[in-house]
Amino acid sequence: MNTTANANAMTAILRQISLDWNRTISYGRSYLAIFFAYAPGVTCLMAATGSTLDSVAGAVIGGAASGFLMLNITLFSYEQMNNHHWMNGIVPINRNHQILGRFAFLIVCDLVAGLEVAVSIACASIIMHEPVKVTDAIGFAAMTVLALVLLNTIVQPFLYRFSPYRAMAAIILSIGVIVGTVIGLRKALPEFEKTVEQLAEAISRHQAIALAAFLIIDVLALAFSSKISLHIYGSKDI
C-alpha cells in the first residue's frame, strides 16, 4: 500500500515538473538560448576586456543567481498572464505535490545555474590565461546553487500568497529593509564591518565547513518554506 502511494506521489511530482518545464519553454527556444548564453557571454566579454578573475566570478555568480531567481517568478507570472492558474485545479496533482514538484523543478534549475557558473569561470580563465583550480570552480558553483535554493525558499511563500507583481513589491521592500538594517548597523556599530570581513575570511579559509553549514540551512529552509507555502496555497480557492 505504501509502495503504491509513494509511486503515485512521485508520478504526481514528475507531472508538476513536466508542467513547469512546458511553462518555461513556452516562450520559445530562442528565449532559452539567450537565457543560457547571457552569463557565459558577459563573462567572456569581461575576461577579454581586462577584468580580474575575482570580478568576473562575482559578476557571473550575481548574474546567474538573479536570472534563475527571475525564472521562478516567471513561472507564477506565466500562470497569471495566461489564465493558466485555473489548470492547477483540474490537473490530477494535489496541492502538496504541486508545491513539492515546483521546488524540485527549481532545484534542478539551480543545479544548472551552478554548472553554468563553473563553465563560465573556466571559459574566462582560458581567455585570461589564468589557471583556476577545479576545487575553486566547484566551490563557486556550489555557492551559487546553495544561495539560489535559499533565495527561492524565501520568495516562494510570497509568490503563493500574492500575485507576482505584489510579491515582487513585497520582496523589494524586504530587501530594502535588510539593506537599511545593514547600513544602520554599520553606523551604529563601528566594529560591524570588521566583523563581517573576519567572517568572510573565515568562510574562505574553511570553505567545506561553510558549504556544509549552508546546506543544512537550505534543508531546514526548504522544509519550513514548503510547510508555509502549503498552508497559504491550501487555504486558497482555485
C-alpha atoms as a PDB file:
ATOM      1  CA  MET A   1       0.000   0.000   0.000  1.00  0.00           C
ATOM      2  CA  ASN A   2       2.793   2.399   0.964  1.00  0.00           C
ATOM      3  CA  THR A   3       4.702   1.474  -2.193  1.00  0.00           C
ATOM      4  CA  THR A   4       1.703   2.352  -4.362  1.00  0.00           C
ATOM      5  CA  ALA A   5       1.165   5.631  -2.527  1.00  0.00           C
ATOM      6  CA  ASN A   6       4.842   6.566  -2.919  1.00  0.00           C
ATOM      7  CA  ALA A   7       4.733   5.696  -6.625  1.00  0.00           C
ATOM      8  CA  ASN A   8       1.609   7.828  -7.102  1.00  0.00           C
ATOM      9  CA  ALA A   9       3.229  10.710  -5.220  1.00  0.00           C
ATOM     10  CA  MET A  10       6.366  10.506  -7.361  1.00  0.00           C
ATOM     11  CA  THR A  11       4.257  10.401 -10.538  1.00  0.00           C
ATOM     12  CA  ALA A  12       2.333  13.496  -9.421  1.00  0.00           C
ATOM     13  CA  ILE A  13       5.557  15.371  -8.635  1.00  0.00           C
ATOM     14  CA  LEU A  14       7.007  14.425 -12.028  1.00  0.00           C
ATOM     15  CA  ARG A  15       3.818  15.679 -13.709  1.00  0.00           C
ATOM     16  CA  GLN A  16       4.240  19.014 -11.946  1.00  0.00           C
ATOM     17  CA  ILE A  17       7.886  19.211 -13.034  1.00  0.00           C
ATOM     18  CA  SER A  18       6.826  18.471 -16.620  1.00  0.00           C
ATOM     19  CA  LEU A  19       4.128  21.150 -16.415  1.00  0.00           C
ATOM     20  CA  ASP A  20       6.636  23.740 -15.160  1.00  0.00           C
ATOM     21  CA  TRP A  21       9.085  22.772 -17.903  1.00  0.00           C
ATOM     22  CA  ASN A  22       6.366  23.301 -20.533  1.00  0.00           C
ATOM     23  CA  ARG A  23       5.644  26.711 -18.999  1.00  0.00           C
ATOM     24  CA  THR A  24       9.340  27.578 -19.169  1.00  0.00           C
ATOM     25  CA  ILE A  25       9.800  26.623 -22.831  1.00  0.00           C
ATOM     26  CA  SER A  26       6.524  28.296 -23.844  1.00  0.00           C
ATOM     27  CA  TYR A  27       8.483  31.480 -24.577  1.00  0.00           C
ATOM     28  CA  GLY A  28      10.373  29.654 -27.334  1.00  0.00           C
ATOM     29  CA  ARG A  29      13.758  28.061 -27.876  1.00  0.00           C
ATOM     30  CA  SER A  30      15.355  31.396 -28.791  1.00  0.00           C
ATOM     31  CA  TYR A  31      14.427  32.739 -25.341  1.00  0.00           C
ATOM     32  CA  LEU A  32      16.086  29.742 -23.681  1.00  0.00           C
ATOM     33  CA  ALA A  33      19.179  30.083 -25.873  1.00  0.00           C
ATOM     34  CA  ILE A  34      19.572  33.758 -24.937  1.00  0.00           C
ATOM     35  CA  PHE A  35      18.852  32.997 -21.279  1.00  0.00           C
ATOM     36  CA  PHE A  36      21.558  30.342 -21.025  1.00  0.00           C
ATOM     37  CA  ALA A  37      24.073  32.201 -23.215  1.00  0.00           C
ATOM     38  CA  TYR A  38      23.806  35.519 -21.371  1.00  0.00           C
ATOM     39  CA  ALA A  39      26.017  34.793 -18.334  1.00  0.00           C
ATOM     40  CA  PRO A  40      28.830  32.990 -20.240  1.00  0.00           C
ATOM     41  CA  GLY A  41      28.735  35.688 -22.926  1.00  0.00           C
ATOM     42  CA  VAL A  42      29.089  38.568 -20.462  1.00  0.00           C
ATOM     43  CA  THR A  43      31.761  36.633 -18.566  1.00  0.00           C
ATOM     44  CA  CYS A  44      33.853  36.071 -21.684  1.00  0.00           C
ATOM     45  CA  LEU A  45      33.429  39.735 -22.673  1.00  0.00           C
ATOM     46  CA  MET A  46      34.637  40.869 -19.245  1.00  0.00           C
ATOM     47  CA  ALA A  47      37.576  38.468 -19.411  1.00  0.00           C
ATOM     48  CA  ALA A  48      38.547  39.719 -22.869  1.00  0.00           C
ATOM     49  CA  THR A  49      38.454  43.388 -21.793  1.00  0.00           C
ATOM     50  CA  GLY A  50      40.879  43.093 -18.886  1.00  0.00           C
ATOM     51  CA  SER A  51      38.711  42.353 -15.855  1.00  0.00           C
ATOM     52  CA  THR A  52      40.202  40.386 -12.980  1.00  0.00           C
ATOM     53  CA  LEU A  53      39.125  36.808 -12.366  1.00  0.00           C
ATOM     54  CA  ASP A  54      37.605  37.748  -8.998  1.00  0.00           C
ATOM     55  CA  SER A  55      35.398  40.419 -10.578  1.00  0.00           C
ATOM     56  CA  VAL A  56      34.404  38.002 -13.360  1.00  0.00           C
ATOM     57  CA  ALA A  57      33.460  35.330 -10.797  1.00  0.00           C
ATOM     58  CA  GLY A  58      31.413  37.825  -8.776  1.00  0.00           C
ATOM     59  CA  ALA A  59      29.611  39.054 -11.895  1.00  0.00           C
ATOM     60  CA  VAL A  60      28.722  35.599 -13.199  1.00  0.00           C
ATOM     61  CA  ILE A  61      27.522  34.396  -9.789  1.00  0.00           C
ATOM     62  CA  GLY A  62      25.370  37.504  -9.347  1.00  0.00           C
ATOM     63  CA  GLY A  63      24.047  37.310 -12.911  1.00  0.00           C
ATOM     64  CA  ALA A  64      23.212  33.610 -12.743  1.00  0.00           C
ATOM     65  CA  ALA A  65      21.591  33.970  -9.315  1.00  0.00           C
ATOM     66  CA  SER A  66      19.388  36.901 -10.353  1.00  0.00           C
ATOM     67  CA  GLY A  67      18.497  35.332 -13.715  1.00  0.00           C
ATOM     68  CA  PHE A  68      17.490  31.958 -12.304  1.00  0.00           C
ATOM     69  CA  LEU A  69      15.618  33.625  -9.437  1.00  0.00           C
ATOM     70  CA  MET A  70      13.585  35.530 -12.031  1.00  0.00           C
ATOM     71  CA  LEU A  71      12.799  32.182 -13.673  1.00  0.00           C
ATOM     72  CA  ASN A  72      10.884  31.235 -10.524  1.00  0.00           C
ATOM     73  CA  ILE A  73       8.896  34.475 -10.631  1.00  0.00           C
ATOM     74  CA  THR A  74       8.317  33.960 -14.380  1.00  0.00           C
ATOM     75  CA  LEU A  75       6.548  30.651 -13.694  1.00  0.00           C
ATOM     76  CA  PHE A  76       3.997  32.383 -11.466  1.00  0.00           C
ATOM     77  CA  SER A  77       3.701  35.326 -13.884  1.00  0.00           C
ATOM     78  CA  TYR A  78       3.017  32.926 -16.752  1.00  0.00           C
ATOM     79  CA  GLU A  79       0.166  31.355 -14.794  1.00  0.00           C
ATOM     80  CA  GLN A  80      -1.396  34.759 -14.097  1.00  0.00           C
ATOM     81  CA  MET A  81      -0.938  36.364 -17.523  1.00  0.00           C
ATOM     82  CA  ASN A  82      -2.284  33.403 -19.470  1.00  0.00           C
ATOM     83  CA  ASN A  83      -5.046  32.490 -17.000  1.00  0.00           C
ATOM     84  CA  HIS A  84      -3.143  29.236 -16.708  1.00  0.00           C
ATOM     85  CA  HIS A  85      -3.514  29.056 -12.929  1.00  0.00           C
ATOM     86  CA  TRP A  86      -7.023  27.603 -13.300  1.00  0.00           C
ATOM     87  CA  MET A  87      -5.414  24.394 -14.605  1.00  0.00           C
ATOM     88  CA  ASN A  88      -3.965  23.812 -11.140  1.00  0.00           C
ATOM     89  CA  GLY A  89      -7.479  22.935 -10.042  1.00  0.00           C
ATOM     90  CA  ILE A  90      -8.101  20.262 -12.679  1.00  0.00           C
ATOM     91  CA  VAL A  91      -4.673  18.716 -13.251  1.00  0.00           C
ATOM     92  CA  PRO A  92      -4.657  15.488 -11.196  1.00  0.00           C
ATOM     93  CA  ILE A  93      -1.933  16.738  -8.836  1.00  0.00           C
ATOM     94  CA  ASN A  94      -2.825  17.683  -5.281  1.00  0.00           C
ATOM     95  CA  ARG A  95      -1.517  20.941  -3.864  1.00  0.00           C
ATOM     96  CA  ASN A  96       1.170  19.337  -1.743  1.00  0.00           C
ATOM     97  CA  HIS A  97       2.626  17.600  -4.793  1.00  0.00           C
ATOM     98  CA  GLN A  98       2.314  20.802  -6.835  1.00  0.00           C
ATOM     99  CA  ILE A  99       4.475  22.588  -4.272  1.00  0.00           C
ATOM    100  CA  LEU A 100       6.982  19.732  -3.981  1.00  0.00           C
ATOM    101  CA  GLY A 101       7.167  19.494  -7.775  1.00  0.00           C
ATOM    102  CA  ARG A 102       7.772  23.242  -8.071  1.00  0.00           C
ATOM    103  CA  PHE A 103      10.586  23.069  -5.510  1.00  0.00           C
ATOM    104  CA  ALA A 104      12.086  20.033  -7.277  1.00  0.00           C
ATOM    105  CA  PHE A 105      11.980  21.829 -10.630  1.00  0.00           C
ATOM    106  CA  LEU A 106      13.636  24.904  -9.127  1.00  0.00           C
ATOM    107  CA  ILE A 107      16.382  22.819  -7.505  1.00  0.00           C
ATOM    108  CA  VAL A 108      17.160  21.268 -10.895  1.00  0.00           C
ATOM    109  CA  CYS A 109      17.322  24.795 -12.368  1.00  0.00           C
ATOM    110  CA  ASP A 110      19.614  25.861  -9.512  1.00  0.00           C
ATOM    111  CA  LEU A 111      21.948  22.963 -10.297  1.00  0.00           C
ATOM    112  CA  VAL A 112      22.009  24.102 -13.934  1.00  0.00           C
ATOM    113  CA  ALA A 113      22.887  27.610 -12.712  1.00  0.00           C
ATOM    114  CA  GLY A 114      25.801  26.182 -10.724  1.00  0.00           C
ATOM    115  CA  LEU A 115      27.041  24.310 -13.789  1.00  0.00           C
ATOM    116  CA  GLU A 116      26.745  27.480 -15.856  1.00  0.00           C
ATOM    117  CA  VAL A 117      28.845  29.387 -13.315  1.00  0.00           C
ATOM    118  CA  ALA A 118      31.556  26.700 -13.341  1.00  0.00           C
ATOM    119  CA  VAL A 119      31.676  26.632 -17.162  1.00  0.00           C
ATOM    120  CA  SER A 120      31.693  30.446 -17.381  1.00  0.00           C
ATOM    121  CA  ILE A 121      34.592  30.768 -14.944  1.00  0.00           C
ATOM    122  CA  ALA A 122      36.506  28.050 -16.791  1.00  0.00           C
ATOM    123  CA  CYS A 123      35.984  29.877 -20.105  1.00  0.00           C
ATOM    124  CA  ALA A 124      37.080  33.183 -18.545  1.00  0.00           C
ATOM    125  CA  SER A 125      40.234  31.589 -17.142  1.00  0.00           C
ATOM    126  CA  ILE A 126      41.132  30.237 -20.601  1.00  0.00           C
ATOM    127  CA  ILE A 127      40.670  33.667 -22.197  1.00  0.00           C
ATOM    128  CA  MET A 128      42.711  35.353 -19.440  1.00  0.00           C
ATOM    129  CA  HIS A 129      45.392  32.615 -19.450  1.00  0.00           C
ATOM    130  CA  GLU A 130      44.935  32.427 -15.705  1.00  0.00           C
ATOM    131  CA  PRO A 131      44.643  28.921 -14.214  1.00  0.00           C
ATOM    132  CA  VAL A 132      41.708  28.168 -11.934  1.00  0.00           C
ATOM    133  CA  LYS A 133      41.692  25.266  -9.506  1.00  0.00           C
ATOM    134  CA  VAL A 134      38.935  22.735 -10.071  1.00  0.00           C
ATOM    135  CA  THR A 135      38.065  22.952  -6.369  1.00  0.00           C
ATOM    136  CA  ASP A 136      37.618  26.738  -6.678  1.00  0.00           C
ATOM    137  CA  ALA A 137      35.277  26.348  -9.676  1.00  0.00           C
ATOM    138  CA  ILE A 138      33.281  23.703  -7.809  1.00  0.00           C
ATOM    139  CA  GLY A 139      33.172  25.961  -4.756  1.00  0.00           C
ATOM    140  CA  PHE A 140      31.793  28.889  -6.799  1.00  0.00           C
ATOM    141  CA  ALA A 141      29.211  26.580  -8.397  1.00  0.00           C
ATOM    142  CA  ALA A 142      28.147  25.135  -5.035  1.00  0.00           C
ATOM    143  CA  MET A 143      27.876  28.627  -3.570  1.00  0.00           C
ATOM    144  CA  THR A 144      25.606  29.656  -6.442  1.00  0.00           C
ATOM    145  CA  VAL A 145      23.356  26.599  -6.041  1.00  0.00           C
ATOM    146  CA  LEU A 146      23.037  26.949  -2.267  1.00  0.00           C
ATOM    147  CA  ALA A 147      22.383  30.695  -2.479  1.00  0.00           C
ATOM    148  CA  LEU A 148      19.704  30.193  -5.139  1.00  0.00           C
ATOM    149  CA  VAL A 149      17.975  27.431  -3.168  1.00  0.00           C
ATOM    150  CA  LEU A 150      17.867  29.696  -0.117  1.00  0.00           C
ATOM    151  CA  LEU A 151      16.565  32.667  -2.125  1.00  0.00           C
ATOM    152  CA  ASN A 152      13.838  30.545  -3.720  1.00  0.00           C
ATOM    153  CA  THR A 153      12.724  29.196  -0.350  1.00  0.00           C
ATOM    154  CA  ILE A 154      12.436  32.776   0.908  1.00  0.00           C
ATOM    155  CA  VAL A 155      10.426  34.142  -2.030  1.00  0.00           C
ATOM    156  CA  GLN A 156       8.187  31.093  -2.522  1.00  0.00           C
ATOM    157  CA  PRO A 157       5.644  31.863   0.241  1.00  0.00           C
ATOM    158  CA  PHE A 158       5.379  35.439  -1.115  1.00  0.00           C
ATOM    159  CA  LEU A 159       4.596  34.092  -4.589  1.00  0.00           C
ATOM    160  CA  TYR A 160       1.908  31.727  -3.264  1.00  0.00           C
ATOM    161  CA  ARG A 161       0.399  34.456  -1.095  1.00  0.00           C
ATOM    162  CA  PHE A 162       0.383  37.384  -3.563  1.00  0.00           C
ATOM    163  CA  SER A 163       0.209  37.965  -7.293  1.00  0.00           C
ATOM    164  CA  PRO A 164       3.668  38.016  -8.922  1.00  0.00           C
ATOM    165  CA  TYR A 165       3.638  41.821  -9.085  1.00  0.00           C
ATOM    166  CA  ARG A 166       2.668  42.264  -5.431  1.00  0.00           C
ATOM    167  CA  ALA A 167       5.125  39.553  -4.466  1.00  0.00           C
ATOM    168  CA  MET A 168       7.881  41.437  -6.284  1.00  0.00           C
ATOM    169  CA  ALA A 169       6.924  44.608  -4.411  1.00  0.00           C
ATOM    170  CA  ALA A 170       7.000  42.728  -1.085  1.00  0.00           C
ATOM    171  CA  ILE A 171      10.368  41.158  -1.956  1.00  0.00           C
ATOM    172  CA  ILE A 172      11.881  44.517  -2.983  1.00  0.00           C
ATOM    173  CA  LEU A 173      10.522  46.087   0.220  1.00  0.00           C
ATOM    174  CA  SER A 174      12.062  43.270   2.263  1.00  0.00           C
ATOM    175  CA  ILE A 175      15.410  43.766   0.505  1.00  0.00           C
ATOM    176  CA  GLY A 176      15.186  47.476   1.250  1.00  0.00           C
ATOM    177  CA  VAL A 177      14.570  46.745   4.938  1.00  0.00           C
ATOM    178  CA  ILE A 178      17.569  44.368   5.027  1.00  0.00           C
ATOM    179  CA  VAL A 179      19.842  46.887   3.278  1.00  0.00           C
ATOM    180  CA  GLY A 180      18.630  49.657   5.582  1.00  0.00           C
ATOM    181  CA  THR A 181      19.294  47.463   8.614  1.00  0.00           C
ATOM    182  CA  VAL A 182      22.836  46.707   7.429  1.00  0.00           C
ATOM    183  CA  ILE A 183      23.532  50.408   6.822  1.00  0.00           C
ATOM    184  CA  GLY A 184      22.129  51.217  10.255  1.00  0.00           C
ATOM    185  CA  LEU A 185      24.314  48.563  11.902  1.00  0.00           C
ATOM    186  CA  ARG A 186      27.402  49.905  10.123  1.00  0.00           C
ATOM    187  CA  LYS A 187      26.727  53.357  11.515  1.00  0.00           C
ATOM    188  CA  ALA A 188      25.648  52.248  15.000  1.00  0.00           C
ATOM    189  CA  LEU A 189      28.339  49.585  15.496  1.00  0.00           C
ATOM    190  CA  PRO A 190      31.850  50.613  14.403  1.00  0.00           C
ATOM    191  CA  GLU A 191      33.050  47.001  14.648  1.00  0.00           C
ATOM    192  CA  PHE A 192      30.286  45.637  12.412  1.00  0.00           C
ATOM    193  CA  GLU A 193      32.176  45.981   9.114  1.00  0.00           C
ATOM    194  CA  LYS A 194      35.317  44.472  10.625  1.00  0.00           C
ATOM    195  CA  THR A 195      33.307  41.532  11.962  1.00  0.00           C
ATOM    196  CA  VAL A 196      31.793  40.915   8.502  1.00  0.00           C
ATOM    197  CA  GLU A 197      35.272  40.944   6.933  1.00  0.00           C
ATOM    198  CA  GLN A 198      36.546  38.477   9.535  1.00  0.00           C
ATOM    199  CA  LEU A 199      33.543  36.236   8.873  1.00  0.00           C
ATOM    200  CA  ALA A 200      34.213  36.347   5.111  1.00  0.00           C
ATOM    201  CA  GLU A 201      37.864  35.425   5.710  1.00  0.00           C
ATOM    202  CA  ALA A 202      36.849  32.541   7.981  1.00  0.00           C
ATOM    203  CA  ILE A 203      34.450  31.236   5.327  1.00  0.00           C
ATOM    204  CA  SER A 204      37.145  31.389   2.637  1.00  0.00           C
ATOM    205  CA  ARG A 205      39.583  29.519   4.883  1.00  0.00           C
ATOM    206  CA  HIS A 206      37.068  26.829   5.842  1.00  0.00           C
ATOM    207  CA  GLN A 207      35.033  26.625   2.640  1.00  0.00           C
ATOM    208  CA  ALA A 208      33.975  22.980   3.039  1.00  0.00           C
ATOM    209  CA  ILE A 209      32.620  23.606   6.556  1.00  0.00           C
ATOM    210  CA  ALA A 210      30.849  26.764   5.386  1.00  0.00           C
ATOM    211  CA  LEU A 211      29.217  24.933   2.454  1.00  0.00           C
ATOM    212  CA  ALA A 212      28.107  22.100   4.755  1.00  0.00           C
ATOM    213  CA  ALA A 213      26.562  24.608   7.183  1.00  0.00           C
ATOM    214  CA  PHE A 214      24.903  26.400   4.250  1.00  0.00           C
ATOM    215  CA  LEU A 215      23.499  23.069   3.044  1.00  0.00           C
ATOM    216  CA  ILE A 216      21.952  22.376   6.458  1.00  0.00           C
ATOM    217  CA  ILE A 217      20.409  25.867   6.457  1.00  0.00           C
ATOM    218  CA  ASP A 218      18.992  25.224   2.970  1.00  0.00           C
ATOM    219  CA  VAL A 219      17.423  21.894   4.004  1.00  0.00           C
ATOM    220  CA  LEU A 220      15.769  23.494   7.042  1.00  0.00           C
ATOM    221  CA  ALA A 221      14.630  26.467   4.948  1.00  0.00           C
ATOM    222  CA  LEU A 222      13.136  24.137   2.308  1.00  0.00           C
ATOM    223  CA  ALA A 223      11.148  22.235   4.932  1.00  0.00           C
ATOM    224  CA  PHE A 224       9.924  25.465   6.571  1.00  0.00           C
ATOM    225  CA  SER A 225       9.120  27.194   3.272  1.00  0.00           C
ATOM    226  CA  SER A 226       7.225  24.210   1.828  1.00  0.00           C
ATOM    227  CA  LYS A 227       5.133  23.999   5.010  1.00  0.00           C
ATOM    228  CA  ILE A 228       4.274  27.704   4.922  1.00  0.00           C
ATOM    229  CA  SER A 229       3.607  27.579   1.155  1.00  0.00           C
ATOM    230  CA  LEU A 230       1.249  24.626   1.583  1.00  0.00           C
ATOM    231  CA  HIS A 231      -0.595  26.427   4.379  1.00  0.00           C
ATOM    232  CA  ILE A 232      -1.031  29.528   2.191  1.00  0.00           C
ATOM    233  CA  TYR A 233      -1.811  27.692  -1.029  1.00  0.00           C
ATOM    234  CA  GLY A 234      -4.100  25.189   0.702  1.00  0.00           C
ATOM    235  CA  SER A 235      -6.347  27.969   2.001  1.00  0.00           C
ATOM    236  CA  LYS A 236      -6.862  29.478  -1.454  1.00  0.00           C
ATOM    237  CA  ASP A 237      -9.719  28.770  -3.818  1.00  0.00           C
ATOM    238  CA  ILE A 238      -8.521  27.712  -7.277  1.00  0.00           C
END
